[in-house]
Amino acid sequence: MRLQKKRVDIVVLDFPLLDTRKTEENADMRKFISDIVVQILAYMAEAERKKNRESQRMGIAAMKERGEWERYGRPQVMEISEFKKAYEQVENGIYKNKELMILLGMKRSTYYHYRKQILQHNKH
């Protein structure tokens, strides 16, 4: 794949000084003006992104404060307490991990995620 240089003209309405189409004779000035405009637009986009992230952070904090945060996200397959009761059968040798996974109808990653929570809780 070959990269090609393309000439891009920038026109800022109501600001003839920044119209790069009118600086044909001075390529350096055209490039300078284009670079400045691109830098300004990049700064504005970054500032908008920061504003949005801060607003999101404040919204999440407010939801946590109101106690509404827990109901967001993907719903659990089952309560951890139910899984713990079922997992005791693996610990007692009644079932193997794969057998219990199939009985509970869980995907492998979900099963081991729940198992990890149980095992970490038991350590503490």
C-alpha atoms as a PDB file:
ATOM      1  CA  MET A   1       0.000   0.000   0.000  1.00  0.00           C
ATOM      2  CA  ARG A   2       1.427   3.363  -1.010  1.00  0.00           C
ATOM      3  CA  LEU A   3       0.753   6.513   0.902  1.00  0.00           C
ATOM      4  CA  GLN A   4      -0.095   9.527  -1.159  1.00  0.00           C
ATOM      5  CA  LYS A   5       0.106  13.131  -0.135  1.00  0.00           C
ATOM      6  CA  LYS A   6      -3.136  14.983  -0.664  1.00  0.00           C
ATOM      7  CA  ARG A   7      -3.634  18.693  -0.615  1.00  0.00           C
ATOM      8  CA  VAL A   8      -6.453  19.817   1.639  1.00  0.00           C
ATOM      9  CA  ASP A   9      -7.777  23.353   1.631  1.00  0.00           C
ATOM     10  CA  ILE A  10      -9.288  24.747   4.793  1.00  0.00           C
ATOM     11  CA  VAL A  11     -11.968  27.410   4.605  1.00  0.00           C
ATOM     12  CA  VAL A  12     -13.123  29.159   7.747  1.00  0.00           C
ATOM     13  CA  LEU A  13     -16.275  31.095   6.953  1.00  0.00           C
ATOM     14  CA  ASP A  14     -16.211  34.828   7.631  1.00  0.00           C
ATOM     15  CA  PHE A  15     -12.461  34.737   8.204  1.00  0.00           C
ATOM     16  CA  PRO A  16     -10.663  35.348   4.889  1.00  0.00           C
ATOM     17  CA  LEU A  17      -7.238  35.255   6.531  1.00  0.00           C
ATOM     18  CA  LEU A  18      -7.671  31.530   7.205  1.00  0.00           C
ATOM     19  CA  ASP A  19      -8.842  30.647   3.688  1.00  0.00           C
ATOM     20  CA  THR A  20      -5.965  28.510   2.393  1.00  0.00           C
ATOM     21  CA  ARG A  21      -7.289  28.596  -1.183  1.00  0.00           C
ATOM     22  CA  LYS A  22      -6.140  32.193  -1.541  1.00  0.00           C
ATOM     23  CA  THR A  23      -2.504  31.517  -0.647  1.00  0.00           C
ATOM     24  CA  GLU A  24      -1.532  29.567  -3.767  1.00  0.00           C
ATOM     25  CA  GLU A  25       1.690  31.512  -4.215  1.00  0.00           C
ATOM     26  CA  ASN A  26       2.854  30.854  -0.661  1.00  0.00           C
ATOM     27  CA  ALA A  27       2.773  27.123   0.099  1.00  0.00           C
ATOM     28  CA  ASP A  28       4.534  27.622   3.439  1.00  0.00           C
ATOM     29  CA  MET A  29       1.832  30.014   4.641  1.00  0.00           C
ATOM     30  CA  ARG A  30      -0.898  27.614   3.460  1.00  0.00           C
ATOM     31  CA  LYS A  31       0.720  24.736   5.385  1.00  0.00           C
ATOM     32  CA  PHE A  32       1.204  26.937   8.453  1.00  0.00           C
ATOM     33  CA  ILE A  33      -2.433  28.032   8.492  1.00  0.00           C
ATOM     34  CA  SER A  34      -3.664  24.478   7.879  1.00  0.00           C
ATOM     35  CA  ASP A  35      -1.520  23.150  10.733  1.00  0.00           C
ATOM     36  CA  ILE A  36      -2.830  25.815  13.123  1.00  0.00           C
ATOM     37  CA  VAL A  37      -6.461  25.077  12.237  1.00  0.00           C
ATOM     38  CA  VAL A  38      -5.913  21.326  12.671  1.00  0.00           C
ATOM     39  CA  GLN A  39      -4.257  21.912  16.071  1.00  0.00           C
ATOM     40  CA  ILE A  40      -7.158  24.109  17.189  1.00  0.00           C
ATOM     41  CA  LEU A  41      -9.705  21.499  16.110  1.00  0.00           C
ATOM     42  CA  ALA A  42      -7.738  18.753  17.884  1.00  0.00           C
ATOM     43  CA  TYR A  43      -7.632  20.855  21.064  1.00  0.00           C
ATOM     44  CA  MET A  44     -11.384  21.470  20.892  1.00  0.00           C
ATOM     45  CA  ALA A  45     -12.089  17.758  20.372  1.00  0.00           C
ATOM     46  CA  GLU A  46      -9.861  16.834  23.336  1.00  0.00           C
ATOM     47  CA  ALA A  47     -11.533  19.449  25.541  1.00  0.00           C
ATOM     48  CA  GLU A  48     -14.966  18.093  24.578  1.00  0.00           C
ATOM     49  CA  ARG A  49     -13.834  14.531  25.363  1.00  0.00           C
ATOM     50  CA  LYS A  50     -12.555  15.601  28.784  1.00  0.00           C
ATOM     51  CA  LYS A  51     -15.824  17.416  29.489  1.00  0.00           C
ATOM     52  CA  ASN A  52     -17.843  14.331  28.537  1.00  0.00           C
ATOM     53  CA  ARG A  53     -15.706  12.016  30.690  1.00  0.00           C
ATOM     54  CA  GLU A  54     -16.010  14.353  33.694  1.00  0.00           C
ATOM     55  CA  SER A  55     -19.766  14.550  33.210  1.00  0.00           C
ATOM     56  CA  GLN A  56     -19.942  10.757  33.016  1.00  0.00           C
ATOM     57  CA  ARG A  57     -17.814  10.409  36.165  1.00  0.00           C
ATOM     58  CA  MET A  58     -20.083  12.816  38.037  1.00  0.00           C
ATOM     59  CA  GLY A  59     -23.184  10.945  36.844  1.00  0.00           C
ATOM     60  CA  ILE A  60     -21.795   7.609  38.023  1.00  0.00           C
ATOM     61  CA  ALA A  61     -20.847   9.108  41.408  1.00  0.00           C
ATOM     62  CA  ALA A  62     -24.361  10.539  41.798  1.00  0.00           C
ATOM     63  CA  MET A  63     -25.939   7.176  40.955  1.00  0.00           C
ATOM     64  CA  LYS A  64     -23.713   5.407  43.479  1.00  0.00           C
ATOM     65  CA  GLU A  65     -24.647   7.977  46.098  1.00  0.00           C
ATOM     66  CA  ARG A  66     -28.364   7.365  45.419  1.00  0.00           C
ATOM     67  CA  GLY A  67     -27.813   3.586  45.513  1.00  0.00           C
ATOM     68  CA  GLU A  68     -28.867   3.102  41.868  1.00  0.00           C
ATOM     69  CA  TRP A  69     -25.526   1.896  40.484  1.00  0.00           C
ATOM     70  CA  GLU A  70     -25.927  -1.785  41.375  1.00  0.00           C
ATOM     71  CA  ARG A  71     -28.775  -2.371  38.935  1.00  0.00           C
ATOM     72  CA  TYR A  72     -26.716  -1.268  35.912  1.00  0.00           C
ATOM     73  CA  GLY A  73     -24.682  -3.645  33.781  1.00  0.00           C
ATOM     74  CA  ARG A  74     -25.289  -7.193  32.682  1.00  0.00           C
ATOM     75  CA  PRO A  75     -27.667  -9.098  34.960  1.00  0.00           C
ATOM     76  CA  GLN A  76     -26.175 -11.950  36.955  1.00  0.00           C
ATOM     77  CA  VAL A  77     -26.848 -15.494  35.823  1.00  0.00           C
ATOM     78  CA  MET A  78     -27.592 -16.429  39.427  1.00  0.00           C
ATOM     79  CA  GLU A  79     -27.031 -15.101  42.920  1.00  0.00           C
ATOM     80  CA  ILE A  80     -23.583 -15.820  44.311  1.00  0.00           C
ATOM     81  CA  SER A  81     -25.171 -17.454  47.377  1.00  0.00           C
ATOM     82  CA  GLU A  82     -27.016 -19.948  45.135  1.00  0.00           C
ATOM     83  CA  PHE A  83     -23.808 -20.710  43.265  1.00  0.00           C
ATOM     84  CA  LYS A  84     -21.958 -21.202  46.542  1.00  0.00           C
ATOM     85  CA  LYS A  85     -24.488 -23.848  47.638  1.00  0.00           C
ATOM     86  CA  ALA A  86     -24.153 -25.629  44.302  1.00  0.00           C
ATOM     87  CA  TYR A  87     -20.359 -25.349  44.334  1.00  0.00           C
ATOM     88  CA  GLU A  88     -20.214 -27.100  47.716  1.00  0.00           C
ATOM     89  CA  GLN A  89     -21.119 -30.279  45.799  1.00  0.00           C
ATOM     90  CA  VAL A  90     -17.882 -29.911  43.811  1.00  0.00           C
ATOM     91  CA  GLU A  91     -15.910 -29.363  47.010  1.00  0.00           C
ATOM     92  CA  ASN A  92     -17.523 -32.495  48.501  1.00  0.00           C
ATOM     93  CA  GLY A  93     -16.636 -34.557  45.427  1.00  0.00           C
ATOM     94  CA  ILE A  94     -20.230 -35.150  44.293  1.00  0.00           C
ATOM     95  CA  TYR A  95     -19.712 -33.342  40.980  1.00  0.00           C
ATOM     96  CA  LYS A  96     -16.737 -32.245  38.927  1.00  0.00           C
ATOM     97  CA  ASN A  97     -16.459 -28.633  37.772  1.00  0.00           C
ATOM     98  CA  LYS A  98     -17.549 -29.439  34.223  1.00  0.00           C
ATOM     99  CA  GLU A  99     -20.556 -31.472  35.407  1.00  0.00           C
ATOM    100  CA  LEU A 100     -21.798 -28.666  37.656  1.00  0.00           C
ATOM    101  CA  MET A 101     -21.220 -26.141  34.895  1.00  0.00           C
ATOM    102  CA  ILE A 102     -23.473 -28.162  32.597  1.00  0.00           C
ATOM    103  CA  LEU A 103     -26.114 -28.686  35.308  1.00  0.00           C
ATOM    104  CA  LEU A 104     -26.247 -24.942  36.000  1.00  0.00           C
ATOM    105  CA  GLY A 105     -26.318 -24.134  32.287  1.00  0.00           C
ATOM    106  CA  MET A 106     -23.367 -21.762  32.590  1.00  0.00           C
ATOM    107  CA  LYS A 107     -20.726 -20.932  30.082  1.00  0.00           C
ATOM    108  CA  ARG A 108     -17.209 -21.878  31.091  1.00  0.00           C
ATOM    109  CA  SER A 109     -16.052 -18.274  31.629  1.00  0.00           C
ATOM    110  CA  THR A 110     -19.100 -17.438  33.759  1.00  0.00           C
ATOM    111  CA  TYR A 111     -18.691 -20.578  35.858  1.00  0.00           C
ATOM    112  CA  TYR A 112     -15.037 -19.891  36.597  1.00  0.00           C
ATOM    113  CA  HIS A 113     -15.794 -16.221  37.305  1.00  0.00           C
ATOM    114  CA  TYR A 114     -18.277 -17.284  40.004  1.00  0.00           C
ATOM    115  CA  ARG A 115     -15.867 -19.942  41.269  1.00  0.00           C
ATOM    116  CA  LYS A 116     -13.087 -17.361  41.565  1.00  0.00           C
ATOM    117  CA  GLN A 117     -15.364 -15.117  43.642  1.00  0.00           C
ATOM    118  CA  ILE A 118     -16.185 -18.003  45.984  1.00  0.00           C
ATOM    119  CA  LEU A 119     -12.550 -19.053  46.379  1.00  0.00           C
ATOM    120  CA  GLN A 120     -11.383 -15.474  47.009  1.00  0.00           C
ATOM    121  CA  HIS A 121     -14.144 -14.973  49.559  1.00  0.00           C
ATOM    122  CA  ASN A 122     -13.118 -18.175  51.357  1.00  0.00           C
ATOM    123  CA  LYS A 123      -9.491 -16.939  51.640  1.00  0.00           C
ATOM    124  CA  HIS A 124     -10.524 -13.803  53.535  1.00  0.00           C
END
